[in-house]
Amino acid sequence: MSSNVSFPANGSECPGYFAPAEGGGPGVVVIQEWWGLNDQICGLADRFASAGFSAVVPDLYRGAIATEPDGAGKLMMNLSLAQAGKDISGAIDFLLAQDTVTGDRVGVTGFCMGGALALMAATLRPDAVGATAPFYGVIPFLSPSPDWSALAAPVRGHFAERDDMFGPDKVAELEALLVGLGKDVVLTVHPDTDHAFANETRPEVYDATAAEASLSATMTFFREQLG
């Protein structure tokens, strides 16, 4: 049964939402959009749990939730990337300590801001991240850039064709950079889609076909990589 939890995060406590898989399964860290730990992102964790993954969402904003873009932007800009990295690392360790989590590596996925942070997390914890699936992550949000040389996990990302923040040209540049470093990276741009196409609570951009295809592909990818 899903529940609110907390776990150590390098000297502090990070709250979060934990959705264990019935009967156990691979662990997955789900990282929030810039809105915060809201019902939509908790619902995604529940969906992973229903598919056989034990999922945790670290609450990077410590309880704050935005409902409009200005508020979300302020929360995101006030977020300490260093602390976010510690929180996500704590979430990884939390998962690996659970009886419902199989294996010694976890998957990390995230959406919008969380997509960028999912990639960052893979560079911070190459020892424990076995697969990474960013969704339309706004990479320039990460400054300075992550140490891409530390990336060890394969990456399968999903991006939007009509994304003003991180469009196809930037996706191609990132993929070329990482592949050039010898990384196992495939970044898919879904045609005729907008940023946040997998968020069903935003009907103005939600694309059911692309959302289902990308989420299904991510779960298949995680099963292949994590067992």
Foldseek 3Di string as FASTA:
>chain_A
DKDWDWWDQPHDIWIKIKQFAVVAEAEEEEEEALQWPDPQSNVVQNVVSPVHYIYMYTGQQRPHGDDDDVVSVVSLVPGDLVSVLSRVVRVLVVQCPDPRHDDQAHEYEYAACSLLSQLLNQLVCVVHHAEYEYEQYQNVSDPPHHPLLSRDHAYEYEYECAEPRQHPVNVVVVQCVNVVSVHRYDYDYDYPAYGPCLRPVDVVGHDVVSNVVSVVVVSVVRVVRGD
